[in-house]
N, C-alpha and C. Protein backbone atom coordinates (compact mmCIF):
# COMPACT_ATOMS: atom_id res chain seq x y z
N MET A 1 -3.61 -20.96 5.24
CA MET A 1 -2.27 -21.43 4.94
C MET A 1 -1.33 -21.06 6.07
N SER A 2 -0.48 -21.99 6.48
CA SER A 2 0.51 -21.67 7.51
C SER A 2 1.91 -21.94 6.98
N ARG A 3 2.88 -21.29 7.62
CA ARG A 3 4.28 -21.39 7.19
C ARG A 3 5.14 -21.70 8.41
N PRO A 4 5.23 -23.00 8.80
CA PRO A 4 6.04 -23.36 9.97
C PRO A 4 7.52 -23.02 9.74
N PRO A 5 8.25 -22.87 10.85
CA PRO A 5 7.82 -22.90 12.23
C PRO A 5 6.94 -21.69 12.57
N LEU A 6 6.03 -21.92 13.50
CA LEU A 6 5.04 -20.92 13.88
C LEU A 6 5.41 -20.27 15.21
N PRO A 7 4.98 -19.03 15.41
CA PRO A 7 5.13 -18.43 16.73
C PRO A 7 4.27 -19.18 17.74
N PRO A 8 4.63 -19.17 19.01
CA PRO A 8 5.76 -18.45 19.60
C PRO A 8 7.08 -19.17 19.31
N PHE A 9 8.11 -18.36 19.01
CA PHE A 9 9.40 -18.92 18.64
C PHE A 9 10.24 -19.29 19.85
N THR A 10 11.04 -20.32 19.66
CA THR A 10 12.10 -20.70 20.59
C THR A 10 13.42 -20.41 19.88
N ALA A 11 14.53 -20.56 20.56
CA ALA A 11 15.82 -20.36 19.90
C ALA A 11 15.95 -21.28 18.70
N GLU A 12 15.52 -22.52 18.86
CA GLU A 12 15.62 -23.50 17.77
C GLU A 12 14.70 -23.14 16.60
N THR A 13 13.45 -22.81 16.87
CA THR A 13 12.53 -22.53 15.76
C THR A 13 12.83 -21.19 15.10
N ALA A 14 13.33 -20.22 15.86
CA ALA A 14 13.73 -18.94 15.26
C ALA A 14 14.91 -19.16 14.31
N ALA A 15 15.88 -19.97 14.72
CA ALA A 15 17.02 -20.28 13.83
C ALA A 15 16.56 -21.02 12.59
N GLN A 16 15.59 -21.93 12.74
CA GLN A 16 15.04 -22.62 11.57
C GLN A 16 14.37 -21.64 10.62
N LYS A 17 13.61 -20.71 11.17
CA LYS A 17 12.91 -19.72 10.35
C LYS A 17 13.92 -18.88 9.56
N VAL A 18 15.01 -18.51 10.20
CA VAL A 18 16.06 -17.72 9.53
C VAL A 18 16.67 -18.52 8.38
N ARG A 19 16.99 -19.79 8.63
CA ARG A 19 17.60 -20.60 7.57
C ARG A 19 16.63 -20.81 6.40
N LEU A 20 15.36 -21.03 6.70
CA LEU A 20 14.37 -21.18 5.62
C LEU A 20 14.27 -19.91 4.78
N ALA A 21 14.33 -18.76 5.44
CA ALA A 21 14.30 -17.49 4.70
C ALA A 21 15.55 -17.35 3.84
N GLU A 22 16.70 -17.67 4.39
CA GLU A 22 17.96 -17.62 3.62
C GLU A 22 17.86 -18.52 2.39
N ASP A 23 17.41 -19.75 2.59
CA ASP A 23 17.29 -20.69 1.47
C ASP A 23 16.36 -20.14 0.39
N ALA A 24 15.25 -19.57 0.80
CA ALA A 24 14.30 -19.03 -0.18
C ALA A 24 14.94 -17.89 -0.97
N TRP A 25 15.59 -16.96 -0.28
CA TRP A 25 16.21 -15.83 -0.98
C TRP A 25 17.33 -16.30 -1.90
N ASN A 26 18.08 -17.31 -1.50
CA ASN A 26 19.15 -17.82 -2.36
C ASN A 26 18.61 -18.52 -3.61
N SER A 27 17.33 -18.88 -3.60
CA SER A 27 16.71 -19.44 -4.81
C SER A 27 16.54 -18.37 -5.89
N ARG A 28 16.48 -17.12 -5.48
CA ARG A 28 16.24 -15.98 -6.37
C ARG A 28 14.96 -16.15 -7.18
N ASP A 29 13.95 -16.73 -6.56
CA ASP A 29 12.64 -16.92 -7.19
C ASP A 29 11.65 -15.99 -6.49
N PRO A 30 11.40 -14.80 -7.06
CA PRO A 30 10.56 -13.81 -6.37
C PRO A 30 9.18 -14.33 -5.99
N GLN A 31 8.56 -15.09 -6.86
CA GLN A 31 7.21 -15.60 -6.58
C GLN A 31 7.23 -16.54 -5.38
N SER A 32 8.18 -17.45 -5.36
CA SER A 32 8.30 -18.38 -4.24
C SER A 32 8.62 -17.65 -2.94
N VAL A 33 9.55 -16.69 -3.00
CA VAL A 33 9.91 -15.93 -1.80
C VAL A 33 8.70 -15.19 -1.25
N SER A 34 7.87 -14.63 -2.13
CA SER A 34 6.73 -13.82 -1.69
C SER A 34 5.71 -14.62 -0.88
N LEU A 35 5.70 -15.93 -1.04
CA LEU A 35 4.73 -16.76 -0.33
C LEU A 35 4.98 -16.84 1.18
N ALA A 36 6.14 -16.38 1.63
CA ALA A 36 6.44 -16.37 3.06
C ALA A 36 5.87 -15.14 3.76
N TYR A 37 5.25 -14.24 3.00
CA TYR A 37 4.76 -12.97 3.52
C TYR A 37 3.24 -12.92 3.44
N THR A 38 2.63 -12.18 4.36
CA THR A 38 1.18 -12.02 4.32
C THR A 38 0.81 -11.25 3.05
N PRO A 39 -0.42 -11.41 2.57
CA PRO A 39 -0.83 -10.68 1.37
C PRO A 39 -0.68 -9.15 1.50
N GLU A 40 -0.76 -8.64 2.73
CA GLU A 40 -0.63 -7.21 2.96
C GLU A 40 0.68 -6.84 3.70
N SER A 41 1.67 -7.71 3.63
CA SER A 41 2.95 -7.50 4.31
C SER A 41 3.52 -6.12 3.98
N ARG A 42 4.05 -5.48 5.02
CA ARG A 42 4.68 -4.16 4.85
C ARG A 42 6.19 -4.30 4.93
N TRP A 43 6.88 -3.67 3.98
CA TRP A 43 8.34 -3.74 3.90
C TRP A 43 8.95 -2.35 3.89
N ARG A 44 10.11 -2.26 4.50
CA ARG A 44 11.06 -1.17 4.24
C ARG A 44 12.35 -1.86 3.89
N ASN A 45 12.86 -1.60 2.71
CA ASN A 45 14.14 -2.14 2.26
C ASN A 45 14.99 -0.94 1.86
N ARG A 46 15.97 -0.62 2.69
CA ARG A 46 16.75 0.60 2.51
C ARG A 46 15.79 1.78 2.53
N ASP A 47 15.65 2.49 1.41
CA ASP A 47 14.75 3.65 1.35
C ASP A 47 13.50 3.37 0.52
N THR A 48 13.22 2.09 0.28
CA THR A 48 12.05 1.70 -0.49
C THR A 48 11.00 1.10 0.45
N PHE A 49 9.78 1.60 0.32
CA PHE A 49 8.67 1.11 1.12
C PHE A 49 7.67 0.44 0.19
N MET A 50 7.13 -0.70 0.60
CA MET A 50 6.16 -1.41 -0.23
C MET A 50 5.19 -2.15 0.66
N THR A 51 4.05 -2.50 0.06
CA THR A 51 3.02 -3.25 0.76
C THR A 51 2.46 -4.31 -0.17
N GLY A 52 2.41 -5.54 0.32
CA GLY A 52 1.76 -6.62 -0.41
C GLY A 52 2.68 -7.45 -1.28
N GLN A 53 2.23 -8.66 -1.53
CA GLN A 53 3.03 -9.63 -2.27
C GLN A 53 3.36 -9.18 -3.69
N ALA A 54 2.42 -8.53 -4.39
CA ALA A 54 2.70 -8.10 -5.77
C ALA A 54 3.86 -7.10 -5.80
N GLU A 55 3.89 -6.17 -4.87
CA GLU A 55 5.00 -5.21 -4.82
C GLU A 55 6.30 -5.90 -4.42
N ILE A 56 6.21 -6.89 -3.54
CA ILE A 56 7.41 -7.65 -3.15
C ILE A 56 7.97 -8.39 -4.36
N VAL A 57 7.11 -9.05 -5.13
CA VAL A 57 7.57 -9.77 -6.33
C VAL A 57 8.23 -8.81 -7.31
N ALA A 58 7.62 -7.67 -7.56
CA ALA A 58 8.19 -6.69 -8.49
C ALA A 58 9.55 -6.20 -7.99
N PHE A 59 9.64 -5.91 -6.69
CA PHE A 59 10.89 -5.45 -6.11
C PHE A 59 11.99 -6.50 -6.25
N LEU A 60 11.70 -7.74 -5.87
CA LEU A 60 12.71 -8.80 -5.92
C LEU A 60 13.12 -9.13 -7.36
N THR A 61 12.17 -9.08 -8.28
CA THR A 61 12.49 -9.32 -9.69
C THR A 61 13.53 -8.31 -10.17
N GLU A 62 13.31 -7.05 -9.87
CA GLU A 62 14.26 -6.01 -10.29
C GLU A 62 15.58 -6.14 -9.52
N LYS A 63 15.50 -6.44 -8.24
CA LYS A 63 16.72 -6.59 -7.43
C LYS A 63 17.64 -7.64 -8.03
N TRP A 64 17.10 -8.83 -8.33
CA TRP A 64 17.94 -9.92 -8.82
C TRP A 64 18.28 -9.78 -10.30
N ARG A 65 17.64 -8.86 -11.00
CA ARG A 65 18.07 -8.52 -12.35
C ARG A 65 19.34 -7.68 -12.26
N ARG A 66 19.40 -6.76 -11.29
CA ARG A 66 20.56 -5.89 -11.09
C ARG A 66 21.69 -6.58 -10.34
N GLU A 67 21.34 -7.36 -9.32
CA GLU A 67 22.33 -7.97 -8.43
C GLU A 67 22.54 -9.42 -8.87
N THR A 68 23.49 -9.62 -9.79
CA THR A 68 23.71 -10.97 -10.32
C THR A 68 24.68 -11.73 -9.42
N ALA A 69 24.71 -13.05 -9.61
CA ALA A 69 25.59 -13.95 -8.83
C ALA A 69 25.35 -13.79 -7.32
N TYR A 70 24.12 -13.55 -6.94
CA TYR A 70 23.71 -13.27 -5.57
C TYR A 70 23.85 -14.51 -4.69
N ARG A 71 24.54 -14.35 -3.54
CA ARG A 71 24.66 -15.40 -2.54
C ARG A 71 24.56 -14.75 -1.16
N LEU A 72 23.71 -15.31 -0.31
CA LEU A 72 23.32 -14.69 0.95
C LEU A 72 23.56 -15.63 2.12
N VAL A 73 24.00 -15.05 3.24
CA VAL A 73 24.09 -15.76 4.52
C VAL A 73 23.36 -14.92 5.57
N LYS A 74 22.40 -15.55 6.27
CA LYS A 74 21.66 -14.88 7.34
C LYS A 74 22.04 -15.54 8.67
N GLU A 75 21.92 -14.76 9.75
CA GLU A 75 22.23 -15.28 11.08
C GLU A 75 21.24 -14.69 12.08
N LEU A 76 20.69 -15.54 12.90
CA LEU A 76 19.78 -15.10 13.96
C LEU A 76 20.52 -14.17 14.91
N TRP A 77 19.89 -13.04 15.22
CA TRP A 77 20.48 -12.08 16.16
C TRP A 77 19.73 -12.12 17.48
N ALA A 78 18.39 -12.08 17.41
CA ALA A 78 17.55 -12.10 18.62
C ALA A 78 16.13 -12.48 18.21
N PHE A 79 15.32 -12.85 19.22
CA PHE A 79 13.93 -13.21 18.92
C PHE A 79 13.06 -13.00 20.15
N THR A 80 11.76 -12.86 19.89
CA THR A 80 10.74 -12.90 20.93
C THR A 80 9.71 -13.90 20.45
N GLU A 81 8.54 -13.91 21.06
CA GLU A 81 7.51 -14.88 20.67
C GLU A 81 7.10 -14.74 19.21
N THR A 82 7.00 -13.49 18.70
CA THR A 82 6.48 -13.27 17.33
C THR A 82 7.43 -12.45 16.45
N ARG A 83 8.61 -12.14 16.96
CA ARG A 83 9.55 -11.29 16.20
C ARG A 83 10.92 -11.95 16.15
N ILE A 84 11.62 -11.67 15.04
CA ILE A 84 12.98 -12.17 14.86
C ILE A 84 13.83 -11.04 14.31
N ALA A 85 15.03 -10.88 14.86
CA ALA A 85 16.03 -9.94 14.34
C ALA A 85 17.16 -10.76 13.72
N VAL A 86 17.58 -10.34 12.54
CA VAL A 86 18.55 -11.08 11.74
C VAL A 86 19.65 -10.12 11.31
N ARG A 87 20.87 -10.63 11.24
CA ARG A 87 21.93 -9.91 10.53
C ARG A 87 22.31 -10.76 9.34
N PHE A 88 22.80 -10.12 8.31
CA PHE A 88 23.08 -10.86 7.08
C PHE A 88 24.19 -10.19 6.29
N ALA A 89 24.74 -10.94 5.37
CA ALA A 89 25.66 -10.42 4.36
C ALA A 89 25.37 -11.17 3.07
N TYR A 90 25.46 -10.47 1.96
CA TYR A 90 25.35 -11.13 0.67
C TYR A 90 26.34 -10.52 -0.29
N GLU A 91 26.78 -11.33 -1.24
CA GLU A 91 27.69 -10.88 -2.28
C GLU A 91 26.98 -10.92 -3.61
N TRP A 92 27.32 -9.96 -4.46
CA TRP A 92 26.69 -9.85 -5.77
C TRP A 92 27.59 -9.03 -6.69
N ARG A 93 27.27 -9.12 -7.96
CA ARG A 93 28.04 -8.42 -8.99
C ARG A 93 27.08 -7.54 -9.79
N ASP A 94 27.53 -6.33 -10.13
CA ASP A 94 26.68 -5.46 -10.95
C ASP A 94 26.96 -5.71 -12.44
N ALA A 95 26.22 -5.01 -13.29
CA ALA A 95 26.33 -5.22 -14.74
C ALA A 95 27.72 -4.90 -15.28
N GLY A 96 28.46 -4.03 -14.59
CA GLY A 96 29.81 -3.68 -15.01
C GLY A 96 30.88 -4.64 -14.51
N GLY A 97 30.48 -5.64 -13.73
CA GLY A 97 31.44 -6.61 -13.21
C GLY A 97 31.99 -6.31 -11.83
N GLN A 98 31.57 -5.20 -11.21
CA GLN A 98 32.03 -4.85 -9.87
C GLN A 98 31.35 -5.74 -8.84
N TRP A 99 32.14 -6.31 -7.93
CA TRP A 99 31.61 -7.13 -6.85
C TRP A 99 31.32 -6.26 -5.63
N TYR A 100 30.29 -6.67 -4.87
CA TYR A 100 29.90 -6.00 -3.63
C TYR A 100 29.63 -7.04 -2.56
N ARG A 101 29.85 -6.63 -1.32
CA ARG A 101 29.33 -7.37 -0.18
C ARG A 101 28.39 -6.41 0.53
N SER A 102 27.16 -6.80 0.66
CA SER A 102 26.16 -5.98 1.32
C SER A 102 25.91 -6.56 2.71
N HIS A 103 25.98 -5.69 3.72
CA HIS A 103 25.78 -6.07 5.12
C HIS A 103 24.50 -5.44 5.61
N GLY A 104 23.76 -6.14 6.46
CA GLY A 104 22.55 -5.53 6.95
C GLY A 104 21.93 -6.22 8.14
N ASN A 105 20.85 -5.60 8.58
CA ASN A 105 20.03 -6.10 9.67
C ASN A 105 18.58 -6.06 9.22
N GLU A 106 17.82 -7.05 9.66
CA GLU A 106 16.39 -7.09 9.38
C GLU A 106 15.64 -7.32 10.69
N ASN A 107 14.48 -6.69 10.78
CA ASN A 107 13.55 -6.95 11.87
C ASN A 107 12.27 -7.49 11.25
N TRP A 108 11.85 -8.64 11.73
CA TRP A 108 10.69 -9.34 11.18
C TRP A 108 9.61 -9.46 12.25
N ALA A 109 8.35 -9.32 11.83
CA ALA A 109 7.19 -9.58 12.69
C ALA A 109 6.29 -10.57 11.98
N PHE A 110 5.83 -11.59 12.70
CA PHE A 110 5.04 -12.68 12.12
C PHE A 110 3.63 -12.70 12.66
N ASP A 111 2.71 -13.19 11.81
CA ASP A 111 1.35 -13.43 12.29
C ASP A 111 1.27 -14.85 12.87
N ALA A 112 0.12 -15.24 13.35
CA ALA A 112 -0.03 -16.54 14.01
C ALA A 112 0.19 -17.72 13.07
N THR A 113 0.06 -17.50 11.76
CA THR A 113 0.24 -18.59 10.79
C THR A 113 1.70 -18.74 10.34
N GLY A 114 2.59 -17.93 10.89
CA GLY A 114 4.00 -18.01 10.53
C GLY A 114 4.38 -17.21 9.31
N LEU A 115 3.44 -16.42 8.76
CA LEU A 115 3.76 -15.54 7.64
C LEU A 115 4.30 -14.22 8.17
N MET A 116 5.25 -13.64 7.44
CA MET A 116 5.85 -12.40 7.87
C MET A 116 4.93 -11.23 7.50
N ALA A 117 4.54 -10.47 8.50
CA ALA A 117 3.65 -9.32 8.29
C ALA A 117 4.43 -8.03 8.10
N GLU A 118 5.65 -7.96 8.64
CA GLU A 118 6.50 -6.78 8.51
C GLU A 118 7.95 -7.20 8.33
N ARG A 119 8.66 -6.45 7.48
CA ARG A 119 10.11 -6.65 7.27
C ARG A 119 10.73 -5.27 7.15
N HIS A 120 11.67 -4.97 8.03
CA HIS A 120 12.39 -3.70 8.00
C HIS A 120 13.86 -4.02 7.83
N ALA A 121 14.47 -3.58 6.71
CA ALA A 121 15.86 -3.92 6.40
C ALA A 121 16.70 -2.66 6.24
N SER A 122 17.83 -2.66 6.91
CA SER A 122 18.85 -1.62 6.76
C SER A 122 20.08 -2.29 6.17
N ILE A 123 20.61 -1.74 5.07
CA ILE A 123 21.65 -2.42 4.31
C ILE A 123 22.71 -1.41 3.86
N ASN A 124 23.97 -1.82 3.94
CA ASN A 124 25.10 -1.04 3.44
C ASN A 124 25.87 -1.87 2.44
N ASP A 125 26.31 -1.25 1.35
CA ASP A 125 27.07 -1.94 0.30
C ASP A 125 28.54 -1.57 0.39
N GLU A 126 29.39 -2.58 0.26
CA GLU A 126 30.83 -2.40 0.29
C GLU A 126 31.39 -2.97 -1.02
N LYS A 127 32.11 -2.15 -1.79
CA LYS A 127 32.78 -2.66 -2.99
C LYS A 127 33.90 -3.60 -2.54
N ILE A 128 34.00 -4.74 -3.22
CA ILE A 128 35.08 -5.69 -2.92
C ILE A 128 35.71 -6.14 -4.23
N ALA A 129 36.95 -6.57 -4.15
CA ALA A 129 37.62 -7.17 -5.30
C ALA A 129 37.14 -8.61 -5.43
N SER A 130 37.16 -9.12 -6.61
CA SER A 130 36.77 -10.51 -6.85
C SER A 130 37.53 -11.47 -5.93
N LEU A 131 38.79 -11.18 -5.69
CA LEU A 131 39.61 -12.03 -4.83
C LEU A 131 39.19 -12.00 -3.36
N ASP A 132 38.42 -10.98 -2.97
CA ASP A 132 37.98 -10.85 -1.58
C ASP A 132 36.65 -11.52 -1.31
N ARG A 133 36.07 -12.14 -2.33
CA ARG A 133 34.79 -12.83 -2.13
C ARG A 133 34.95 -13.98 -1.14
N LEU A 134 33.86 -14.25 -0.41
CA LEU A 134 33.85 -15.35 0.57
C LEU A 134 32.78 -16.39 0.27
N PHE A 135 31.82 -16.04 -0.56
CA PHE A 135 30.67 -16.91 -0.82
C PHE A 135 30.81 -17.51 -2.22
N TYR A 136 31.33 -18.73 -2.29
CA TYR A 136 31.64 -19.36 -3.58
C TYR A 136 30.81 -20.58 -3.92
N TRP A 137 29.82 -20.94 -3.12
CA TRP A 137 29.07 -22.15 -3.42
C TRP A 137 28.29 -21.99 -4.72
N PRO A 138 27.89 -23.10 -5.35
CA PRO A 138 27.08 -23.00 -6.58
C PRO A 138 25.78 -22.25 -6.28
N GLN A 139 25.26 -21.55 -7.28
CA GLN A 139 24.03 -20.76 -7.10
C GLN A 139 22.95 -21.62 -6.45
N GLY A 140 22.26 -21.08 -5.47
CA GLY A 140 21.21 -21.79 -4.76
C GLY A 140 21.51 -21.87 -3.27
N ARG A 141 21.01 -22.90 -2.62
CA ARG A 141 21.11 -23.07 -1.17
C ARG A 141 22.57 -23.13 -0.71
N ARG A 142 22.87 -22.41 0.36
CA ARG A 142 24.20 -22.45 0.97
C ARG A 142 24.43 -23.83 1.56
N PRO A 143 25.59 -24.44 1.29
CA PRO A 143 25.86 -25.76 1.88
C PRO A 143 25.87 -25.71 3.41
N ASP A 144 25.41 -26.78 4.03
CA ASP A 144 25.33 -26.85 5.49
C ASP A 144 26.69 -26.67 6.16
N ASP A 145 27.77 -27.06 5.50
CA ASP A 145 29.09 -26.96 6.12
C ASP A 145 29.78 -25.62 5.83
N HIS A 146 29.11 -24.70 5.15
CA HIS A 146 29.69 -23.38 4.89
C HIS A 146 29.71 -22.59 6.19
N PRO A 147 30.78 -21.86 6.48
CA PRO A 147 30.85 -21.09 7.74
C PRO A 147 29.74 -20.06 7.85
N SER A 148 29.36 -19.79 9.09
CA SER A 148 28.37 -18.74 9.39
C SER A 148 29.05 -17.38 9.32
N LEU A 149 28.27 -16.32 9.43
CA LEU A 149 28.84 -14.98 9.45
C LEU A 149 29.80 -14.82 10.62
N SER A 150 29.41 -15.31 11.79
CA SER A 150 30.29 -15.22 12.96
C SER A 150 31.58 -15.98 12.74
N GLU A 151 31.48 -17.15 12.18
CA GLU A 151 32.67 -17.96 11.93
C GLU A 151 33.61 -17.31 10.91
N MET A 152 33.05 -16.51 9.99
CA MET A 152 33.86 -15.80 9.00
C MET A 152 34.35 -14.44 9.50
N GLY A 153 33.92 -14.06 10.69
CA GLY A 153 34.33 -12.77 11.24
C GLY A 153 33.60 -11.59 10.61
N LEU A 154 32.44 -11.84 10.01
CA LEU A 154 31.67 -10.76 9.40
C LEU A 154 30.59 -10.24 10.34
C-alpha cells in the first residue's frame, strides 16, 4: 500500500502532504487517520510515547473525546527528501466550555511508500476567550480560502 505523494519530496509535494494530513486530522476519524502511518509507526506527542496504529487509534479516540469542536491548521515549515517539518495551531473546547488554542511543531519521517514512520510533536496550550477564536468553519475540512497560519499572524 502506498500513500502519495511519495518521497523524495519537493516543495509542492511536501505542501500537499501537509494539507492531506490536516484534512485527515480535521475529520476526527482515528481509524482513517491511522492509515497514514506505518503499522509500527513511532510517536511522541507532548509527553506521550506510542508505537503502532492500534496505539495511535486509542490515543486519537481519547484526544477527540476530550478536545471537542477541534479545528486544525497546519503549515509546511521545511522538508528534505524523506522528512517534513510542520507548524500548526488548533482550537478546541474542553468539557467545562473553556476554549484553547494549541500551538506546535511536528517532525515527520516517511518510508518509501509515503507512510509516516515517525511523528514527534511538541505542543503548548493557550487558554482563549470564545471571542478570540479564529477557526470558525463547519466541522471537517478547512475551506481552501481560509487564511493560513502566516496570514493570520500565528
